[in-house]
């Protein structure tokens, strides 16, 4: 049996080196309710569907305390909805500034298809945001065979439901013939829950959180420390492999198929 599909996350994996687009939107959305949060705090739940991300931030005791002080009551479901309703337009407004493909994305996609594999995608973004992203990515040469967004199904990451939709859309099975590539812990969990191989993306994604320019300007010893921390985080989430960016994916696909030939499964 050989690999039949690779299913990719979007921000931090294929576009938006450093996964930076949602960060300013989260910080600004909370600011509009009189609550200050840091970019580091905003990053922690990355990979979740965005309403679940808001809920996770509201559940952070430090943020909840700030909210209670600013708003006079602890946050609950209505407050989560209210902040989410502010966040989505903010993220939609800025996302087109963060749609540059991560270096090597087009070559990677072409190489995946040259192996006879389908190229699927899931995302924590909702459809209105991806409606802006898709044409910008396509104009740069990246157009996956399907797209499953947060909100399309009854639940998103870390459940396997979006992956199941990908299997159906792409006509691929069993899960052991599929690879999920993602830069976040919920995204890795999504692949594991679906029974696929998983590849974590360290440098280009949320675990490091630097733009390409910032990363390239970082001294080598600091790069090594950031890489090691990101790799540990993704391996700790259960990733079978961790690479710097999708430019490094093809040797991993070779290794997975070698393992499959020996009868190994995810």
Protein backbone atom coordinates (compact mmCIF):
# COMPACT_ATOMS: atom_id res chain seq x y z
CA UNK A 1 0.00 0.00 0.00
CA UNK A 2 1.24 3.49 -0.86
CA UNK A 3 0.20 6.93 0.36
CA UNK A 4 -2.97 8.24 -1.26
CA UNK A 5 -3.32 11.77 0.11
CA UNK A 6 -1.64 14.52 2.08
CA UNK A 7 -3.94 16.85 3.99
CA UNK A 8 -2.53 20.23 4.91
CA UNK A 9 -3.43 22.93 7.36
CA UNK A 10 -3.27 26.49 6.00
CA UNK A 11 -1.86 29.29 8.21
CA UNK A 12 1.64 28.48 9.39
CA UNK A 13 1.77 25.39 7.20
CA UNK A 14 1.17 26.52 3.61
CA UNK A 15 0.62 30.28 3.93
CA UNK A 16 1.49 32.97 6.48
CA UNK A 17 4.97 32.08 7.75
CA UNK A 18 4.73 32.40 11.53
CA UNK A 19 0.92 32.11 11.54
CA UNK A 20 0.56 35.79 12.34
CA UNK A 21 -2.77 36.81 10.76
CA UNK A 22 -5.05 35.85 13.67
CA UNK A 23 -2.85 37.29 16.42
CA UNK A 24 -3.51 40.98 15.94
CA UNK A 25 -7.20 40.26 15.43
CA UNK A 26 -7.46 38.43 18.77
CA UNK A 27 -5.57 41.18 20.60
CA UNK A 28 -7.71 43.90 19.02
CA UNK A 29 -10.98 42.05 19.63
CA UNK A 30 -10.25 41.77 23.36
CA UNK A 31 -9.05 45.38 23.42
CA UNK A 32 -12.47 46.49 22.17
CA UNK A 33 -13.95 44.97 25.32
CA UNK A 34 -11.39 46.72 27.51
CA UNK A 35 -9.29 43.59 28.05
CA UNK A 36 -5.60 43.39 27.28
CA UNK A 37 -4.08 40.11 26.12
CA UNK A 38 -0.61 39.42 24.75
CA UNK A 39 0.25 37.79 21.43
CA UNK A 40 1.81 34.92 23.39
CA UNK A 41 -1.48 34.37 25.24
CA UNK A 42 -3.44 34.58 22.00
CA UNK A 43 -1.24 31.91 20.39
CA UNK A 44 -1.71 29.17 22.98
CA UNK A 45 -4.96 27.64 21.63
CA UNK A 46 -3.96 28.00 17.95
CA UNK A 47 -5.22 25.26 15.69
CA UNK A 48 -8.65 25.11 17.29
CA UNK A 49 -11.70 26.38 15.40
CA UNK A 50 -11.79 30.09 16.04
CA UNK A 51 -14.85 30.12 18.31
CA UNK A 52 -13.30 27.33 20.37
CA UNK A 53 -10.11 29.39 20.38
CA UNK A 54 -12.02 32.34 21.85
CA UNK A 55 -13.59 30.04 24.43
CA UNK A 56 -10.16 28.68 25.40
CA UNK A 57 -8.85 32.22 25.87
CA UNK A 58 -11.87 33.13 27.99
CA UNK A 59 -11.18 30.03 30.11
CA UNK A 60 -7.62 31.19 30.82
CA UNK A 61 -7.82 32.27 34.50
CA UNK A 62 -5.65 35.36 33.99
CA UNK A 63 -7.66 36.54 30.98
CA UNK A 64 -10.95 35.72 32.70
CA UNK A 65 -9.88 37.82 35.68
CA UNK A 66 -9.07 40.77 33.41
CA UNK A 67 -12.42 40.34 31.67
CA UNK A 68 -14.28 40.29 34.97
CA UNK A 69 -12.49 43.44 36.09
CA UNK A 70 -13.25 45.24 32.82
CA UNK A 71 -16.80 43.99 32.27
CA UNK A 72 -18.03 43.48 35.83
CA UNK A 73 -18.88 39.80 35.41
CA UNK A 74 -17.11 36.59 34.46
CA UNK A 75 -17.25 35.62 30.77
CA UNK A 76 -19.75 32.99 29.66
CA UNK A 77 -21.24 31.73 26.41
CA UNK A 78 -22.86 35.08 25.44
CA UNK A 79 -19.51 36.85 25.94
CA UNK A 80 -17.72 34.21 23.85
CA UNK A 81 -20.25 34.80 21.05
CA UNK A 82 -19.93 38.57 21.35
CA UNK A 83 -16.15 38.52 21.11
CA UNK A 84 -16.19 35.96 18.29
CA UNK A 85 -18.57 38.20 16.35
CA UNK A 86 -15.99 41.01 16.64
CA UNK A 87 -13.02 38.76 15.87
CA UNK A 88 -14.19 37.23 12.58
CA UNK A 89 -14.56 40.54 10.66
CA UNK A 90 -11.23 41.74 12.07
CA UNK A 91 -9.47 38.55 10.92
CA UNK A 92 -11.21 38.71 7.54
CA UNK A 93 -10.06 42.30 7.04
CA UNK A 94 -6.38 41.52 7.57
CA UNK A 95 -6.01 37.96 6.27
CA UNK A 96 -5.18 39.02 2.71
CA UNK A 97 -2.02 40.67 4.08
CA UNK A 98 -0.84 37.26 5.33
CA UNK A 99 -1.47 35.01 2.35
CA UNK A 100 2.06 34.71 0.97
CA UNK A 101 2.89 31.07 0.39
CA UNK A 102 5.58 29.57 2.58
CA UNK A 103 8.71 29.02 0.44
CA UNK A 104 8.59 25.67 -1.31
CA UNK A 105 4.80 25.28 -1.14
CA UNK A 106 4.21 25.12 -4.90
CA UNK A 107 7.09 22.73 -5.49
CA UNK A 108 5.86 20.56 -2.62
CA UNK A 109 2.31 20.45 -3.97
CA UNK A 110 3.55 19.52 -7.43
CA UNK A 111 5.76 16.77 -5.98
CA UNK A 112 2.87 15.36 -3.92
CA UNK A 113 0.68 15.17 -7.00
CA UNK A 114 3.52 13.67 -9.04
CA UNK A 115 3.43 10.74 -6.60
CA UNK A 116 -0.21 10.17 -7.52
CA UNK A 117 -1.47 11.56 -4.22
CA UNK A 118 -4.44 13.85 -3.62
CA UNK A 119 -3.87 17.16 -1.84
CA UNK A 120 -6.50 17.99 0.78
CA UNK A 121 -6.86 20.76 3.34
CA UNK A 122 -8.48 21.57 6.66
CA UNK A 123 -8.39 24.84 8.56
CA UNK A 124 -9.47 26.52 11.76
CA UNK A 125 -10.62 29.45 9.62
CA UNK A 126 -14.29 29.83 8.70
CA UNK A 127 -15.60 30.06 5.13
CA UNK A 128 -15.78 33.88 4.88
CA UNK A 129 -12.07 34.10 5.72
CA UNK A 130 -11.11 31.32 3.32
CA UNK A 131 -13.16 32.96 0.57
CA UNK A 132 -10.46 35.64 0.57
CA UNK A 133 -7.56 33.24 1.03
CA UNK A 134 -8.31 30.72 -1.73
CA UNK A 135 -7.99 33.00 -4.77
CA UNK A 136 -4.84 34.62 -3.37
CA UNK A 137 -3.24 31.21 -2.83
CA UNK A 138 -4.36 30.01 -6.27
CA UNK A 139 -2.82 33.08 -7.90
CA UNK A 140 0.51 32.01 -6.38
CA UNK A 141 0.12 28.46 -7.70
CA UNK A 142 -1.40 26.59 -4.74
CA UNK A 143 -4.87 25.08 -5.11
CA UNK A 144 -5.68 21.95 -3.07
CA UNK A 145 -8.24 19.39 -4.17
CA UNK A 146 -10.65 20.22 -1.35
CA UNK A 147 -11.20 22.53 1.61
CA UNK A 148 -12.89 21.81 4.93
CA UNK A 149 -13.37 24.80 7.24
CA UNK A 150 -14.19 25.25 10.90
CA UNK A 151 -17.95 25.54 11.06
CA UNK A 152 -18.60 23.22 8.11
CA UNK A 153 -19.32 20.30 10.44
CA UNK A 154 -20.73 19.67 13.90
CA UNK A 155 -17.26 20.00 15.40
CA UNK A 156 -13.70 20.70 14.32
CA UNK A 157 -10.26 20.10 15.76
CA UNK A 158 -9.14 18.17 17.71
CA UNK A 159 -11.93 15.80 16.59
CA UNK A 160 -11.41 13.86 13.33
CA UNK A 161 -14.58 15.12 11.64
CA UNK A 162 -12.88 17.47 9.16
CA UNK A 163 -10.49 14.66 8.23
CA UNK A 164 -13.40 12.32 7.64
CA UNK A 165 -14.87 14.89 5.25
CA UNK A 166 -11.53 15.03 3.46
CA UNK A 167 -11.52 11.23 3.06
CA UNK A 168 -14.98 11.42 1.50
CA UNK A 169 -14.21 14.45 -0.69
CA UNK A 170 -10.99 12.96 -2.00
CA UNK A 171 -12.16 9.36 -2.18
CA UNK A 172 -9.21 8.08 -0.15
CA UNK A 173 -9.00 5.29 2.42
CA UNK A 174 -7.87 3.71 4.69
CA UNK A 175 -6.67 6.48 7.05
CA UNK A 176 -3.27 4.76 7.25
CA UNK A 177 -2.73 5.78 3.62
CA UNK A 178 -3.09 9.47 4.47
CA UNK A 179 -0.70 12.02 6.01
CA UNK A 180 -1.80 15.10 7.98
CA UNK A 181 0.61 18.06 8.02
CA UNK A 182 0.04 20.82 10.59
CA UNK A 183 1.86 23.37 12.75
CA UNK A 184 -0.34 23.12 15.87
CA UNK A 185 -1.09 20.59 18.58
CA UNK A 186 -4.85 20.49 17.83
CA UNK A 187 -4.02 19.94 14.17
CA UNK A 188 -1.76 17.00 15.01
CA UNK A 189 -4.48 15.66 17.32
CA UNK A 190 -6.93 15.90 14.42
CA UNK A 191 -4.77 13.62 12.31
CA UNK A 192 -4.13 11.17 15.14
CA UNK A 193 -7.84 10.95 15.95
CA UNK A 194 -8.53 10.14 12.31
CA UNK A 195 -5.88 7.40 12.24
CA UNK A 196 -3.45 9.05 9.82
CA UNK A 197 0.28 9.63 9.82
CA UNK A 198 1.09 13.10 11.19
CA UNK A 199 3.87 15.54 10.35
CA UNK A 200 4.44 18.61 12.51
CA UNK A 201 5.78 21.82 10.99
CA UNK A 202 8.01 23.67 13.45
CA UNK A 203 9.81 26.75 12.12
CA UNK A 204 7.18 28.17 9.77
CA UNK A 205 4.32 27.77 12.20
CA UNK A 206 2.70 28.78 15.44
CA UNK A 207 5.24 27.13 17.74
CA UNK A 208 7.91 29.68 16.75
CA UNK A 209 5.64 32.46 15.54
CA UNK A 210 8.23 34.57 13.71
CA UNK A 211 7.86 35.98 10.23
CA UNK A 212 10.28 34.66 7.61
CA UNK A 213 12.28 37.87 7.84
CA UNK A 214 12.41 37.68 11.63
CA UNK A 215 13.46 34.03 11.50
CA UNK A 216 16.24 34.71 9.01
CA UNK A 217 17.51 37.56 11.20
CA UNK A 218 17.64 35.34 14.30
CA UNK A 219 21.14 34.21 15.36
CA UNK A 220 21.90 30.55 14.71
CA UNK A 221 22.06 29.58 18.38
CA UNK A 222 18.66 31.14 19.05
CA UNK A 223 17.26 29.41 15.96
CA UNK A 224 18.49 26.08 17.30
CA UNK A 225 16.81 26.68 20.65
CA UNK A 226 13.53 27.74 19.03
CA UNK A 227 13.62 24.72 16.70
CA UNK A 228 14.26 22.31 19.58
CA UNK A 229 11.41 23.76 21.63
CA UNK A 230 8.97 23.60 18.69
CA UNK A 231 10.00 20.05 17.82
CA UNK A 232 9.50 18.94 21.43
CA UNK A 233 6.08 20.56 21.50
CA UNK A 234 4.90 18.85 18.32
CA UNK A 235 6.43 15.47 19.17
CA UNK A 236 4.81 15.79 22.59
CA UNK A 237 1.48 16.24 20.80
CA UNK A 238 2.07 12.91 19.08
CA UNK A 239 3.49 13.90 15.68
CA UNK A 240 5.20 10.98 13.97
CA UNK A 241 7.66 13.35 12.29
CA UNK A 242 8.60 17.03 12.62
CA UNK A 243 10.08 19.15 9.82
CA UNK A 244 11.11 22.81 9.62
CA UNK A 245 8.62 23.61 6.86
CA UNK A 246 6.72 21.90 4.06
CA UNK A 247 9.76 22.39 1.82
CA UNK A 248 11.20 19.43 3.78
CA UNK A 249 8.22 17.10 3.35
CA UNK A 250 9.19 14.78 0.50
CA UNK A 251 11.88 12.72 2.33
CA UNK A 252 9.34 12.14 5.12
CA UNK A 253 6.81 10.78 2.63
CA UNK A 254 9.53 8.42 1.39
CA UNK A 255 10.17 7.28 4.97
CA UNK A 256 6.47 6.74 5.65
CA UNK A 257 6.08 4.61 2.53
CA UNK A 258 9.16 2.61 3.54
CA UNK A 259 7.57 1.97 6.92
CA UNK A 260 4.27 1.02 5.25
CA UNK A 261 6.17 -1.47 3.08
CA UNK A 262 7.41 -3.10 6.30
CA UNK A 263 3.82 -3.37 7.53
CA UNK A 264 3.94 -0.45 9.96
CA UNK A 265 0.85 1.68 10.61
CA UNK A 266 0.39 5.11 12.23
